[in-house]
Amino acid sequence: MNRREFVQSAGSSALLTSASLVRPPLSSQDSKRKIFIYGGNFTPRFNRYVALLTGKENPKVCFMPTASGDSLSTIVSWFEACANLPLRPYVQRSFISSYNQKESFENVLTNMDAIIVGGGNTLNMMAIWKVQGIDQILKNAWEKGIVLAGGSAGSLCWFEHGTTDSRPTELTKVEGLGFLKGSHCPHYHAEPQRKPLYWAKVKSKEYKPGYACDDRAGIYFEDNEVKEVVALDETSNAYYVSEEAGEIKERQLPKEILKA
């Protein structure tokens, strides 16, 4: 669903306009496999950064709100966060029927320039993707050079495993798609339980070494290598967390502040 279709169904009338890119794209090679993760929710600056990573003018960027149960308020917030950006925003719901969607998931997703996954319940999202075959479609899109991105559940999903609040009472482990090797911890300093649990799991080797992100920081991977770390402010960071001789090693990654 693009914004015009959504506006007609939701009764909104706001319009999108284009804005100039703040700096040149990092890569425009379709052969590169690109993933951008961040610790919290999408923002206009993160959305602009994703658009830049496509290397295209006015790219098609699809939002997947599966983890929030295709929440209407989340979808509205997505379109608001895309206002005045140089991109064409779309939404792909997962809770659909043949009556309200005539195109296959594959036709929609593999014809996008970028796909951004929203936050919510990672465990439920992964289950839905697997039964719908979306997991394999996303892999095909990644290998095709379509930029994949997201925060919270939308960052956890790309790794082998990580820490989730998708189950009752406590934080637990969730298995991801494994496009990015190792583990992941979103909301690193925003939620008090996240960091100590992540450290304990990496130290015990239940988790592989991996990457942690504050809510307003992100990491861009190209072919599974860290290419750039960005943040929305000076206090937000991304980290590489590993175990060495029974002790945790936390390395803060050098970052660039995204322009407003």
Protein backbone atom coordinates (compact mmCIF):
# COMPACT_ATOMS: atom_id res chain seq x y z
CA MET A 1 0.00 0.00 0.00
CA ASN A 2 1.37 3.41 -0.92
CA ARG A 3 0.61 6.62 0.88
CA ARG A 4 -2.17 7.68 -1.48
CA GLU A 5 -4.03 4.41 -0.96
CA PHE A 6 -3.51 4.63 2.79
CA VAL A 7 -4.70 8.23 2.92
CA GLN A 8 -7.89 7.29 1.08
CA SER A 9 -8.59 4.45 3.50
CA ALA A 10 -7.64 6.37 6.66
CA GLY A 11 -9.24 9.69 5.76
CA SER A 12 -6.04 11.73 5.94
CA SER A 13 -5.14 14.46 3.46
CA ALA A 14 -1.53 15.40 4.20
CA LEU A 15 0.87 15.46 1.24
CA LEU A 16 4.51 14.45 0.87
CA THR A 17 7.13 16.69 -0.71
CA SER A 18 10.76 16.04 -1.61
CA ALA A 19 13.81 17.41 0.19
CA SER A 20 17.46 17.65 -0.82
CA LEU A 21 19.86 14.90 0.26
CA VAL A 22 22.16 16.01 3.07
CA ARG A 23 25.15 14.17 1.64
CA PRO A 24 25.95 11.76 -1.22
CA PRO A 25 24.89 8.11 -0.99
CA LEU A 26 27.36 5.70 0.57
CA SER A 27 26.99 3.09 -2.14
CA SER A 28 24.98 2.66 -5.30
CA GLN A 29 26.13 -0.84 -6.26
CA ASP A 30 23.19 -3.23 -6.48
CA SER A 31 25.49 -6.20 -5.78
CA LYS A 32 26.14 -5.00 -2.22
CA ARG A 33 24.04 -6.55 0.53
CA LYS A 34 22.98 -3.67 2.79
CA ILE A 35 21.41 -3.60 6.25
CA PHE A 36 20.99 -0.58 8.52
CA ILE A 37 19.97 -1.20 12.14
CA TYR A 38 19.18 1.18 14.99
CA GLY A 39 18.25 0.61 18.62
CA GLY A 40 14.82 2.21 18.84
CA ASN A 41 12.07 3.62 16.65
CA PHE A 42 12.26 5.03 13.13
CA THR A 43 12.79 8.79 12.78
CA PRO A 44 12.86 11.17 9.79
CA ARG A 45 16.67 11.29 9.93
CA PHE A 46 16.98 7.50 9.97
CA ASN A 47 14.46 7.27 7.11
CA ARG A 48 16.47 9.81 5.10
CA TYR A 49 19.65 7.82 5.76
CA VAL A 50 17.98 4.66 4.43
CA ALA A 51 16.92 6.54 1.31
CA LEU A 52 20.55 7.65 0.80
CA LEU A 53 21.78 4.07 1.09
CA THR A 54 19.72 3.06 -1.95
CA GLY A 55 21.81 5.34 -4.15
CA LYS A 56 18.65 6.39 -5.97
CA GLU A 57 16.66 9.58 -6.27
CA ASN A 58 13.18 9.36 -4.77
CA PRO A 59 13.47 5.64 -3.91
CA LYS A 60 10.56 3.36 -3.08
CA VAL A 61 10.76 2.60 0.66
CA CYS A 62 8.39 0.03 2.16
CA PHE A 63 7.54 -0.11 5.86
CA MET A 64 6.59 -3.46 7.45
CA PRO A 65 4.63 -3.04 10.71
CA THR A 66 4.26 -6.79 11.36
CA ALA A 67 5.71 -6.68 14.88
CA SER A 68 3.06 -4.18 15.99
CA GLY A 69 0.26 -6.26 14.51
CA ASP A 70 -0.01 -3.80 11.59
CA SER A 71 -1.01 -1.11 14.09
CA LEU A 72 -2.84 1.79 12.43
CA SER A 73 -1.18 4.34 14.71
CA THR A 74 2.26 2.95 13.80
CA ILE A 75 1.44 3.20 10.10
CA VAL A 76 0.27 6.80 10.52
CA SER A 77 3.49 7.62 12.41
CA TRP A 78 5.50 6.07 9.59
CA PHE A 79 3.93 8.28 6.95
CA GLU A 80 4.39 11.31 9.18
CA ALA A 81 8.09 10.44 9.59
CA CYS A 82 8.42 10.36 5.79
CA ALA A 83 6.91 13.79 5.17
CA ASN A 84 9.23 16.11 3.23
CA LEU A 85 11.78 13.35 2.60
CA PRO A 86 13.15 12.37 -0.83
CA LEU A 87 11.41 9.00 -0.97
CA ARG A 88 8.15 7.31 -1.92
CA PRO A 89 6.71 5.61 1.19
CA TYR A 90 4.75 2.37 1.06
CA VAL A 91 3.38 -0.02 3.68
CA GLN A 92 3.17 -3.80 3.45
CA ARG A 93 0.80 -5.30 5.98
CA SER A 94 1.17 -8.94 6.99
CA PHE A 95 -2.37 -9.35 8.33
CA ILE A 96 -4.02 -9.43 4.91
CA SER A 97 -6.45 -11.51 2.85
CA SER A 98 -6.83 -12.19 -0.87
CA TYR A 99 -9.74 -9.73 -0.79
CA ASN A 100 -7.67 -6.71 0.23
CA GLN A 101 -4.31 -7.51 -1.41
CA LYS A 102 -4.04 -8.66 -5.02
CA GLU A 103 -0.23 -8.66 -5.31
CA SER A 104 2.01 -11.28 -3.73
CA PHE A 105 4.41 -10.38 -0.93
CA GLU A 106 7.26 -11.22 -3.30
CA ASN A 107 6.07 -8.90 -6.06
CA VAL A 108 5.70 -6.01 -3.63
CA LEU A 109 8.87 -6.42 -1.57
CA THR A 110 11.34 -7.33 -4.31
CA ASN A 111 10.29 -4.27 -6.30
CA MET A 112 11.20 -1.85 -3.51
CA ASP A 113 14.48 0.02 -3.13
CA ALA A 114 14.46 -0.34 0.66
CA ILE A 115 12.43 -2.16 3.32
CA ILE A 116 12.18 -0.84 6.89
CA VAL A 117 10.85 -3.11 9.65
CA GLY A 118 9.11 -1.59 12.66
CA GLY A 119 9.27 -2.46 16.35
CA GLY A 120 7.00 -4.62 18.49
CA ASN A 121 6.86 -8.34 19.22
CA THR A 122 9.84 -9.94 17.47
CA LEU A 123 8.81 -13.51 18.27
CA ASN A 124 5.35 -13.16 16.75
CA MET A 125 6.73 -11.33 13.73
CA MET A 126 9.21 -14.11 12.98
CA ALA A 127 6.47 -16.74 13.22
CA ILE A 128 4.22 -14.84 10.80
CA TRP A 129 7.04 -14.24 8.34
CA LYS A 130 7.97 -17.92 8.28
CA VAL A 131 4.46 -19.23 7.63
CA GLN A 132 3.92 -16.59 4.93
CA GLY A 133 7.31 -17.19 3.30
CA ILE A 134 8.32 -13.58 3.93
CA ASP A 135 11.61 -14.68 5.53
CA GLN A 136 12.84 -16.12 2.24
CA ILE A 137 11.50 -13.14 0.28
CA LEU A 138 13.50 -10.79 2.50
CA LYS A 139 16.61 -12.88 1.93
CA ASN A 140 16.07 -12.65 -1.82
CA ALA A 141 15.60 -8.89 -1.52
CA TRP A 142 18.82 -8.57 0.53
CA GLU A 143 20.80 -10.59 -1.99
CA LYS A 144 19.34 -8.50 -4.80
CA GLY A 145 20.76 -5.34 -3.21
CA ILE A 146 17.56 -3.94 -1.70
CA VAL A 147 18.40 -2.07 1.51
CA LEU A 148 16.99 -3.71 4.66
CA ALA A 149 16.60 -1.66 7.83
CA GLY A 150 14.81 -1.31 11.13
CA GLY A 151 14.99 -0.76 14.86
CA SER A 152 14.07 -2.77 17.95
CA ALA A 153 12.27 -5.84 16.53
CA GLY A 154 13.27 -4.41 13.17
CA SER A 155 16.96 -4.69 14.06
CA LEU A 156 16.84 -7.94 16.03
CA CYS A 157 15.31 -9.81 13.10
CA TRP A 158 18.41 -9.54 10.89
CA PHE A 159 20.80 -11.19 13.40
CA GLU A 160 21.27 -14.81 14.44
CA HIS A 161 19.80 -14.13 17.88
CA GLY A 162 19.32 -11.51 20.56
CA THR A 163 17.35 -10.35 23.56
CA THR A 164 13.61 -9.72 23.29
CA ASP A 165 10.66 -8.72 25.47
CA SER A 166 8.30 -10.77 23.26
CA ARG A 167 7.39 -13.25 26.03
CA PRO A 168 5.67 -12.61 29.38
CA THR A 169 7.49 -11.70 32.62
CA GLU A 170 11.12 -11.41 31.49
CA LEU A 171 13.55 -10.74 28.66
CA THR A 172 14.44 -13.88 26.71
CA LYS A 173 16.33 -15.08 23.65
CA VAL A 174 14.87 -14.86 20.16
CA GLU A 175 16.22 -16.38 16.96
CA GLY A 176 16.47 -14.07 13.95
CA LEU A 177 16.97 -14.54 10.23
CA GLY A 178 20.75 -14.70 10.54
CA PHE A 179 21.56 -12.37 7.64
CA LEU A 180 23.94 -10.57 10.01
CA LYS A 181 26.28 -12.84 11.97
CA GLY A 182 26.31 -12.77 15.76
CA SER A 183 23.95 -11.37 18.37
CA HIS A 184 22.19 -8.06 18.92
CA CYS A 185 20.84 -5.94 21.76
CA PRO A 186 18.57 -2.97 20.96
CA HIS A 187 17.55 -0.34 23.58
CA TYR A 188 21.01 -0.81 25.10
CA HIS A 189 20.86 2.03 27.64
CA ALA A 190 17.18 2.95 27.35
CA GLU A 191 15.93 -0.09 29.29
CA PRO A 192 17.87 -0.98 32.48
CA GLN A 193 17.66 -4.77 32.12
CA ARG A 194 18.99 -4.90 28.57
CA LYS A 195 22.72 -4.29 29.03
CA PRO A 196 23.39 -6.51 32.08
CA LEU A 197 21.44 -9.40 30.57
CA TYR A 198 23.20 -9.04 27.23
CA TRP A 199 26.58 -9.03 28.96
CA ALA A 200 25.67 -12.14 30.95
CA LYS A 201 24.53 -14.02 27.85
CA VAL A 202 27.64 -13.11 25.86
CA LYS A 203 29.91 -13.94 28.81
CA SER A 204 28.28 -17.37 29.25
CA LYS A 205 28.57 -17.90 25.47
CA GLU A 206 24.84 -18.51 25.15
CA TYR A 207 25.01 -15.53 22.79
CA LYS A 208 27.64 -15.03 20.14
CA PRO A 209 29.55 -11.74 20.27
CA GLY A 210 27.56 -8.98 18.66
CA TYR A 211 26.35 -5.42 18.41
CA ALA A 212 24.38 -3.24 20.81
CA CYS A 213 22.67 0.04 19.92
CA ASP A 214 21.25 2.88 21.94
CA ASP A 215 17.83 3.96 20.70
CA ARG A 216 19.16 6.92 18.71
CA ALA A 217 22.22 5.22 17.21
CA GLY A 218 22.57 2.90 14.25
CA ILE A 219 25.02 0.71 12.33
CA TYR A 220 25.22 0.29 8.58
CA PHE A 221 26.46 -3.12 7.39
CA GLU A 222 27.59 -3.82 3.85
CA ASP A 223 28.20 -7.48 3.00
CA ASN A 224 28.23 -8.22 6.77
CA GLU A 225 30.97 -5.66 7.45
CA VAL A 226 30.41 -2.51 9.51
CA LYS A 227 30.72 0.39 7.08
CA GLU A 228 29.45 3.30 9.17
CA VAL A 229 28.00 4.10 12.58
CA VAL A 230 25.60 7.03 12.90
CA ALA A 231 23.71 8.72 15.72
CA LEU A 232 21.12 11.43 16.18
CA ASP A 233 23.02 13.07 19.07
CA GLU A 234 26.34 13.00 20.90
CA THR A 235 25.14 10.84 23.79
CA SER A 236 23.87 7.92 21.68
CA ASN A 237 26.27 5.17 20.63
CA ALA A 238 26.69 1.70 19.16
CA TYR A 239 28.97 -0.98 20.58
CA TYR A 240 30.64 -4.28 19.81
CA VAL A 241 30.37 -6.66 22.78
CA SER A 242 32.49 -9.80 23.05
CA GLU A 243 33.98 -12.21 25.59
CA GLU A 244 37.70 -12.64 26.14
CA ALA A 245 39.23 -14.92 28.79
CA GLY A 246 35.95 -14.97 30.71
CA GLU A 247 35.54 -11.19 30.74
CA ILE A 248 33.27 -8.90 28.74
CA LYS A 249 34.85 -6.51 26.29
CA GLU A 250 32.72 -3.56 25.20
CA ARG A 251 34.05 -1.41 22.36
CA GLN A 252 32.29 1.84 21.49
CA LEU A 253 32.24 2.28 17.72
CA PRO A 254 33.28 5.62 16.17
CA LYS A 255 30.20 7.47 14.90
CA GLU A 256 29.00 10.28 12.72
CA ILE A 257 26.13 12.56 13.80
CA LEU A 258 23.35 12.68 11.22
CA LYS A 259 22.35 16.17 10.22
CA ALA A 260 18.87 17.35 11.19
